[in-house]
Amino acid sequence: MKSEALRNIRTMRDVKMSLDTARGQRLRTMNSLSKTRDEIEYLDSLTDRSLDQVLEKEHRRFEVLEATINKSRQRVLKAREKLAMTVNRNRALTELRRELQHSRWKDDESVVQKERSSEPKSNVRQVELKY
C-alpha cells in the first residue's frame, strides 16, 4: 500500500508568480518579428542620457528608506530591552516573595529576619515613581 503522506509540498518559495514568468519573456509583437538580429542588438544597446541620474536618485532613495527601517528596528529593540528589564525585575520580585512565603509556611523566621536586618531602619517610606 502506498504511503498517503504528502511528499512534494509546494511552499510560497516554490511557487513562481505569473508576473515573474512574464518578466522573463520577451513580447512577440508584429513589430518585433519584423526586426533583424542586428537591429534588435542595436536597439537594446541604446540608453537614455539621463539614465545614470535616475538610477543614482533611486539608489539614494533606497538608502534613505533602508536607514529609516534600521532606525525603526533600533527603536523596537530599545523598547524590547526596556520591557525585558521590567519582566526580569518582576520575576526576581516574585521569586523573592515565594521564598519569603515558603519560609513563613515552614515557620522559618531566619530568612525573614535576615531580610529585615538588611533594610534601612527609617520611619519614612520612599516611593519612586516611574512613567
N, C-alpha and C. Protein backbone atom coordinates (compact mmCIF):
# COMPACT_ATOMS: atom_id res chain seq x y z
N MET A 1 0.85 -1.18 0.00
CA MET A 1 0.00 0.00 0.00
C MET A 1 0.89 1.24 0.00
N LYS A 2 0.58 2.19 -0.84
CA LYS A 2 1.37 3.40 -0.94
C LYS A 2 1.13 4.32 0.26
N SER A 3 2.15 5.05 0.59
CA SER A 3 2.03 6.00 1.69
C SER A 3 1.17 7.18 1.26
N GLU A 4 0.33 7.63 2.16
CA GLU A 4 -0.54 8.75 1.85
C GLU A 4 0.05 10.08 2.30
N ALA A 5 1.29 10.04 2.78
CA ALA A 5 1.94 11.28 3.24
C ALA A 5 2.22 12.18 2.04
N LEU A 6 2.11 13.45 2.28
CA LEU A 6 2.40 14.41 1.22
C LEU A 6 3.90 14.49 1.02
N ARG A 7 4.35 14.15 -0.17
CA ARG A 7 5.79 14.13 -0.42
C ARG A 7 6.29 15.47 -0.97
N ASN A 8 5.60 16.00 -1.90
CA ASN A 8 6.05 17.23 -2.55
C ASN A 8 5.10 18.36 -2.21
N ILE A 9 5.35 18.98 -1.09
CA ILE A 9 4.53 20.12 -0.69
C ILE A 9 5.19 21.38 -1.23
N ARG A 10 4.44 22.15 -1.98
CA ARG A 10 4.98 23.38 -2.55
C ARG A 10 4.72 24.53 -1.59
N THR A 11 5.77 25.23 -1.27
CA THR A 11 5.65 26.40 -0.39
C THR A 11 5.60 27.65 -1.24
N MET A 12 5.46 28.79 -0.59
CA MET A 12 5.40 30.06 -1.32
C MET A 12 6.71 30.33 -2.06
N ARG A 13 7.82 29.79 -1.55
CA ARG A 13 9.10 29.99 -2.22
C ARG A 13 9.19 29.19 -3.50
N ASP A 14 8.46 28.09 -3.58
CA ASP A 14 8.50 27.24 -4.76
C ASP A 14 7.56 27.73 -5.86
N VAL A 15 6.56 28.47 -5.49
CA VAL A 15 5.56 28.92 -6.46
C VAL A 15 6.11 30.11 -7.22
N LYS A 16 6.04 30.05 -8.52
CA LYS A 16 6.51 31.16 -9.36
C LYS A 16 5.28 31.95 -9.81
N MET A 17 5.30 33.22 -9.50
CA MET A 17 4.15 34.06 -9.84
C MET A 17 4.13 34.31 -11.35
N SER A 18 2.94 34.57 -11.87
CA SER A 18 2.81 34.82 -13.31
C SER A 18 3.54 36.10 -13.71
N LEU A 19 3.63 37.07 -12.78
CA LEU A 19 4.37 38.30 -13.10
C LEU A 19 5.86 38.01 -13.29
N ASP A 20 6.41 37.15 -12.46
CA ASP A 20 7.82 36.78 -12.61
C ASP A 20 8.06 36.04 -13.93
N THR A 21 7.13 35.19 -14.29
CA THR A 21 7.24 34.47 -15.55
C THR A 21 7.17 35.43 -16.72
N ALA A 22 6.25 36.39 -16.67
CA ALA A 22 6.08 37.34 -17.76
C ALA A 22 7.29 38.27 -17.89
N ARG A 23 7.93 38.60 -16.78
CA ARG A 23 9.10 39.47 -16.86
C ARG A 23 10.26 38.80 -17.59
N GLY A 24 10.33 37.49 -17.51
CA GLY A 24 11.42 36.77 -18.17
C GLY A 24 11.20 36.56 -19.66
N GLN A 25 10.00 36.80 -20.13
CA GLN A 25 9.69 36.56 -21.54
C GLN A 25 9.71 37.87 -22.32
N ARG A 26 10.07 37.76 -23.57
CA ARG A 26 10.02 38.93 -24.45
C ARG A 26 8.66 38.96 -25.15
N LEU A 27 8.17 40.16 -25.36
CA LEU A 27 6.90 40.30 -26.07
C LEU A 27 7.11 39.96 -27.55
N ARG A 28 6.18 39.23 -28.10
CA ARG A 28 6.27 38.85 -29.51
C ARG A 28 5.19 39.61 -30.28
N THR A 29 5.54 40.81 -30.72
CA THR A 29 4.59 41.63 -31.48
C THR A 29 4.97 41.55 -32.96
N MET A 30 4.13 42.08 -33.81
CA MET A 30 4.42 42.10 -35.26
C MET A 30 5.67 42.93 -35.53
N ASN A 31 5.82 44.02 -34.78
CA ASN A 31 6.98 44.88 -34.97
C ASN A 31 8.27 44.15 -34.59
N SER A 32 8.24 43.39 -33.48
CA SER A 32 9.44 42.69 -33.06
C SER A 32 9.77 41.52 -33.98
N LEU A 33 8.77 40.94 -34.61
CA LEU A 33 9.02 39.83 -35.52
C LEU A 33 9.67 40.28 -36.82
N SER A 34 9.44 41.54 -37.20
CA SER A 34 9.98 42.04 -38.47
C SER A 34 11.40 42.59 -38.32
N LYS A 35 11.93 42.70 -37.12
CA LYS A 35 13.26 43.25 -36.91
C LYS A 35 14.33 42.19 -37.19
N THR A 36 15.46 42.67 -37.70
CA THR A 36 16.59 41.77 -37.89
C THR A 36 17.36 41.64 -36.59
N ARG A 37 18.27 40.66 -36.54
CA ARG A 37 19.06 40.43 -35.32
C ARG A 37 19.96 41.64 -35.03
N ASP A 38 20.56 42.22 -36.05
CA ASP A 38 21.42 43.39 -35.85
C ASP A 38 20.63 44.58 -35.32
N GLU A 39 19.44 44.76 -35.84
CA GLU A 39 18.59 45.87 -35.39
C GLU A 39 18.17 45.68 -33.94
N ILE A 40 17.87 44.46 -33.55
CA ILE A 40 17.49 44.17 -32.16
C ILE A 40 18.65 44.46 -31.22
N GLU A 41 19.88 44.03 -31.60
CA GLU A 41 21.05 44.29 -30.77
C GLU A 41 21.33 45.78 -30.66
N TYR A 42 21.17 46.51 -31.78
CA TYR A 42 21.41 47.95 -31.76
C TYR A 42 20.40 48.66 -30.84
N LEU A 43 19.13 48.31 -30.95
CA LEU A 43 18.10 48.95 -30.15
C LEU A 43 18.26 48.61 -28.66
N ASP A 44 18.71 47.40 -28.36
CA ASP A 44 18.93 47.03 -26.96
C ASP A 44 20.13 47.75 -26.36
N SER A 45 21.08 48.13 -27.20
CA SER A 45 22.28 48.80 -26.69
C SER A 45 22.07 50.29 -26.43
N LEU A 46 20.99 50.87 -26.94
CA LEU A 46 20.72 52.29 -26.74
C LEU A 46 20.31 52.55 -25.29
N THR A 47 20.84 53.62 -24.73
CA THR A 47 20.46 54.01 -23.37
C THR A 47 20.14 55.49 -23.34
N ASP A 48 19.34 55.85 -22.37
CA ASP A 48 18.96 57.25 -22.18
C ASP A 48 20.12 57.98 -21.50
N ARG A 49 20.35 59.23 -21.89
CA ARG A 49 21.44 60.00 -21.30
C ARG A 49 21.22 60.30 -19.82
N SER A 50 19.97 60.44 -19.44
CA SER A 50 19.67 60.76 -18.04
C SER A 50 19.46 59.50 -17.19
N LEU A 51 19.74 58.34 -17.77
CA LEU A 51 19.53 57.10 -17.03
C LEU A 51 20.40 57.03 -15.79
N ASP A 52 21.66 57.49 -15.88
CA ASP A 52 22.54 57.46 -14.71
C ASP A 52 21.98 58.31 -13.57
N GLN A 53 21.43 59.46 -13.90
CA GLN A 53 20.85 60.32 -12.87
C GLN A 53 19.64 59.66 -12.22
N VAL A 54 18.81 59.05 -13.03
CA VAL A 54 17.62 58.38 -12.50
C VAL A 54 18.03 57.22 -11.60
N LEU A 55 19.02 56.45 -12.04
CA LEU A 55 19.47 55.31 -11.22
C LEU A 55 20.11 55.78 -9.92
N GLU A 56 20.88 56.87 -9.98
CA GLU A 56 21.51 57.40 -8.76
C GLU A 56 20.45 57.92 -7.78
N LYS A 57 19.43 58.57 -8.32
CA LYS A 57 18.35 59.08 -7.47
C LYS A 57 17.60 57.92 -6.80
N GLU A 58 17.36 56.88 -7.55
CA GLU A 58 16.67 55.71 -6.99
C GLU A 58 17.55 55.04 -5.92
N HIS A 59 18.85 55.00 -6.17
CA HIS A 59 19.78 54.41 -5.20
C HIS A 59 19.77 55.22 -3.90
N ARG A 60 19.79 56.55 -3.98
CA ARG A 60 19.73 57.40 -2.78
C ARG A 60 18.41 57.23 -2.05
N ARG A 61 17.32 57.13 -2.79
CA ARG A 61 16.01 56.93 -2.18
C ARG A 61 15.96 55.61 -1.42
N PHE A 62 16.55 54.58 -2.00
CA PHE A 62 16.58 53.29 -1.35
C PHE A 62 17.43 53.33 -0.08
N GLU A 63 18.55 54.05 -0.12
CA GLU A 63 19.41 54.18 1.07
C GLU A 63 18.68 54.89 2.20
N VAL A 64 17.93 55.94 1.87
CA VAL A 64 17.16 56.67 2.88
C VAL A 64 16.10 55.75 3.48
N LEU A 65 15.45 54.99 2.64
CA LEU A 65 14.43 54.05 3.12
C LEU A 65 15.06 53.00 4.03
N GLU A 66 16.24 52.49 3.65
CA GLU A 66 16.93 51.49 4.46
C GLU A 66 17.34 52.08 5.81
N ALA A 67 17.81 53.34 5.82
CA ALA A 67 18.19 54.00 7.08
C ALA A 67 16.97 54.16 7.99
N THR A 68 15.83 54.50 7.41
CA THR A 68 14.61 54.66 8.18
C THR A 68 14.19 53.33 8.80
N ILE A 69 14.30 52.26 8.04
CA ILE A 69 13.94 50.94 8.55
C ILE A 69 14.87 50.54 9.69
N ASN A 70 16.17 50.79 9.53
CA ASN A 70 17.13 50.45 10.58
C ASN A 70 16.87 51.25 11.85
N LYS A 71 16.52 52.52 11.71
CA LYS A 71 16.21 53.35 12.87
C LYS A 71 14.98 52.82 13.59
N SER A 72 13.99 52.42 12.82
CA SER A 72 12.77 51.86 13.42
C SER A 72 13.09 50.55 14.15
N ARG A 73 13.95 49.73 13.57
CA ARG A 73 14.33 48.48 14.23
C ARG A 73 15.05 48.75 15.54
N GLN A 74 15.89 49.78 15.56
CA GLN A 74 16.60 50.13 16.79
C GLN A 74 15.62 50.58 17.88
N ARG A 75 14.60 51.34 17.50
CA ARG A 75 13.59 51.77 18.47
C ARG A 75 12.85 50.56 19.04
N VAL A 76 12.49 49.63 18.18
CA VAL A 76 11.80 48.43 18.65
C VAL A 76 12.70 47.63 19.58
N LEU A 77 13.99 47.55 19.25
CA LEU A 77 14.93 46.82 20.10
C LEU A 77 15.05 47.48 21.47
N LYS A 78 15.11 48.82 21.51
CA LYS A 78 15.18 49.51 22.80
C LYS A 78 13.92 49.26 23.62
N ALA A 79 12.76 49.30 22.97
CA ALA A 79 11.51 49.04 23.69
C ALA A 79 11.48 47.62 24.23
N ARG A 80 11.98 46.65 23.44
CA ARG A 80 12.02 45.27 23.91
C ARG A 80 12.98 45.11 25.08
N GLU A 81 14.12 45.81 25.03
CA GLU A 81 15.07 45.75 26.14
C GLU A 81 14.45 46.30 27.42
N LYS A 82 13.75 47.41 27.29
CA LYS A 82 13.11 48.02 28.47
C LYS A 82 12.05 47.07 29.04
N LEU A 83 11.27 46.47 28.17
CA LEU A 83 10.26 45.51 28.61
C LEU A 83 10.90 44.29 29.26
N ALA A 84 12.01 43.82 28.69
CA ALA A 84 12.70 42.66 29.26
C ALA A 84 13.23 42.97 30.65
N MET A 85 13.75 44.19 30.86
CA MET A 85 14.23 44.57 32.19
C MET A 85 13.09 44.57 33.19
N THR A 86 11.94 45.09 32.79
CA THR A 86 10.77 45.10 33.68
C THR A 86 10.33 43.68 34.01
N VAL A 87 10.29 42.82 33.00
CA VAL A 87 9.87 41.43 33.21
C VAL A 87 10.85 40.72 34.14
N ASN A 88 12.16 40.93 33.92
CA ASN A 88 13.16 40.28 34.77
C ASN A 88 13.07 40.78 36.21
N ARG A 89 12.83 42.08 36.39
CA ARG A 89 12.68 42.62 37.74
C ARG A 89 11.47 42.00 38.43
N ASN A 90 10.37 41.89 37.70
CA ASN A 90 9.15 41.30 38.27
C ASN A 90 9.36 39.82 38.61
N ARG A 91 10.10 39.11 37.77
CA ARG A 91 10.39 37.70 38.07
C ARG A 91 11.21 37.58 39.35
N ALA A 92 12.21 38.45 39.49
CA ALA A 92 13.04 38.40 40.69
C ALA A 92 12.22 38.71 41.93
N LEU A 93 11.34 39.72 41.84
CA LEU A 93 10.46 40.04 42.97
C LEU A 93 9.54 38.88 43.31
N THR A 94 8.98 38.26 42.29
CA THR A 94 8.08 37.13 42.51
C THR A 94 8.82 35.98 43.17
N GLU A 95 10.03 35.71 42.73
CA GLU A 95 10.82 34.62 43.33
C GLU A 95 11.14 34.92 44.79
N LEU A 96 11.51 36.17 45.09
CA LEU A 96 11.78 36.54 46.47
C LEU A 96 10.53 36.40 47.33
N ARG A 97 9.39 36.84 46.82
CA ARG A 97 8.14 36.74 47.57
C ARG A 97 7.76 35.28 47.83
N ARG A 98 8.01 34.41 46.84
CA ARG A 98 7.73 32.98 47.04
C ARG A 98 8.61 32.41 48.14
N GLU A 99 9.90 32.76 48.10
CA GLU A 99 10.80 32.27 49.13
C GLU A 99 10.36 32.74 50.52
N LEU A 100 9.97 33.99 50.62
CA LEU A 100 9.51 34.51 51.91
C LEU A 100 8.24 33.81 52.37
N GLN A 101 7.32 33.57 51.46
CA GLN A 101 6.10 32.86 51.84
C GLN A 101 6.38 31.43 52.27
N HIS A 102 7.25 30.75 51.54
CA HIS A 102 7.59 29.37 51.92
C HIS A 102 8.26 29.33 53.28
N SER A 103 9.12 30.31 53.53
CA SER A 103 9.77 30.34 54.84
C SER A 103 8.75 30.62 55.95
N ARG A 104 7.73 31.43 55.66
CA ARG A 104 6.68 31.70 56.65
C ARG A 104 5.86 30.44 56.91
N TRP A 105 5.56 29.70 55.84
CA TRP A 105 4.77 28.49 55.99
C TRP A 105 5.53 27.43 56.77
N LYS A 106 6.84 27.43 56.64
CA LYS A 106 7.65 26.43 57.35
C LYS A 106 8.05 26.91 58.74
N ASP A 107 7.56 28.05 59.12
CA ASP A 107 7.89 28.68 60.40
C ASP A 107 9.39 28.89 60.55
N ASP A 108 10.01 29.26 59.48
CA ASP A 108 11.44 29.54 59.48
C ASP A 108 11.61 31.05 59.48
N GLU A 109 11.88 31.59 60.60
CA GLU A 109 11.99 33.04 60.75
C GLU A 109 13.38 33.57 60.38
N SER A 110 14.34 32.71 60.15
CA SER A 110 15.71 33.17 59.89
C SER A 110 15.79 33.97 58.58
N VAL A 111 15.07 33.52 57.55
CA VAL A 111 15.10 34.23 56.27
C VAL A 111 14.42 35.58 56.40
N VAL A 112 13.29 35.62 57.09
CA VAL A 112 12.56 36.87 57.25
C VAL A 112 13.38 37.86 58.06
N GLN A 113 14.00 37.40 59.14
CA GLN A 113 14.80 38.31 59.96
C GLN A 113 16.02 38.80 59.21
N LYS A 114 16.62 37.97 58.38
CA LYS A 114 17.79 38.38 57.60
C LYS A 114 17.39 39.48 56.62
N GLU A 115 16.23 39.33 56.01
CA GLU A 115 15.75 40.35 55.08
C GLU A 115 15.46 41.65 55.81
N ARG A 116 14.89 41.57 57.00
CA ARG A 116 14.57 42.78 57.75
C ARG A 116 15.83 43.48 58.22
N SER A 117 16.86 42.75 58.55
CA SER A 117 18.09 43.38 59.05
C SER A 117 18.83 44.11 57.93
N SER A 118 18.63 43.70 56.69
CA SER A 118 19.31 44.37 55.59
C SER A 118 18.59 45.65 55.15
N GLU A 119 17.36 45.84 55.58
CA GLU A 119 16.61 47.03 55.21
C GLU A 119 17.05 48.20 56.09
N PRO A 120 17.09 49.43 55.53
CA PRO A 120 17.40 50.59 56.36
C PRO A 120 16.26 50.85 57.33
N LYS A 121 16.61 51.20 58.58
CA LYS A 121 15.59 51.42 59.60
C LYS A 121 15.24 52.90 59.63
N SER A 122 14.15 53.18 58.97
CA SER A 122 13.68 54.56 58.96
C SER A 122 12.17 54.53 58.91
N ASN A 123 11.57 55.54 59.47
CA ASN A 123 10.11 55.60 59.51
C ASN A 123 9.54 56.21 58.24
N VAL A 124 10.41 56.81 57.41
CA VAL A 124 9.94 57.47 56.19
C VAL A 124 10.01 56.46 55.05
N ARG A 125 8.90 56.29 54.40
CA ARG A 125 8.86 55.39 53.26
C ARG A 125 9.21 56.16 52.02
N GLN A 126 10.08 55.61 51.21
CA GLN A 126 10.47 56.24 49.98
C GLN A 126 9.72 55.56 48.84
N VAL A 127 9.09 56.40 48.03
CA VAL A 127 8.32 55.89 46.89
C VAL A 127 8.93 56.48 45.64
N GLU A 128 9.26 55.63 44.69
CA GLU A 128 9.83 56.10 43.43
C GLU A 128 8.79 55.91 42.36
N LEU A 129 8.50 56.97 41.63
CA LEU A 129 7.51 56.91 40.56
C LEU A 129 8.24 56.86 39.22
N LYS A 130 7.84 55.92 38.39
CA LYS A 130 8.41 55.81 37.04
C LYS A 130 7.26 55.83 36.04
N TYR A 131 7.46 56.60 35.02
CA TYR A 131 6.44 56.69 33.97
C TYR A 131 6.98 56.14 32.69
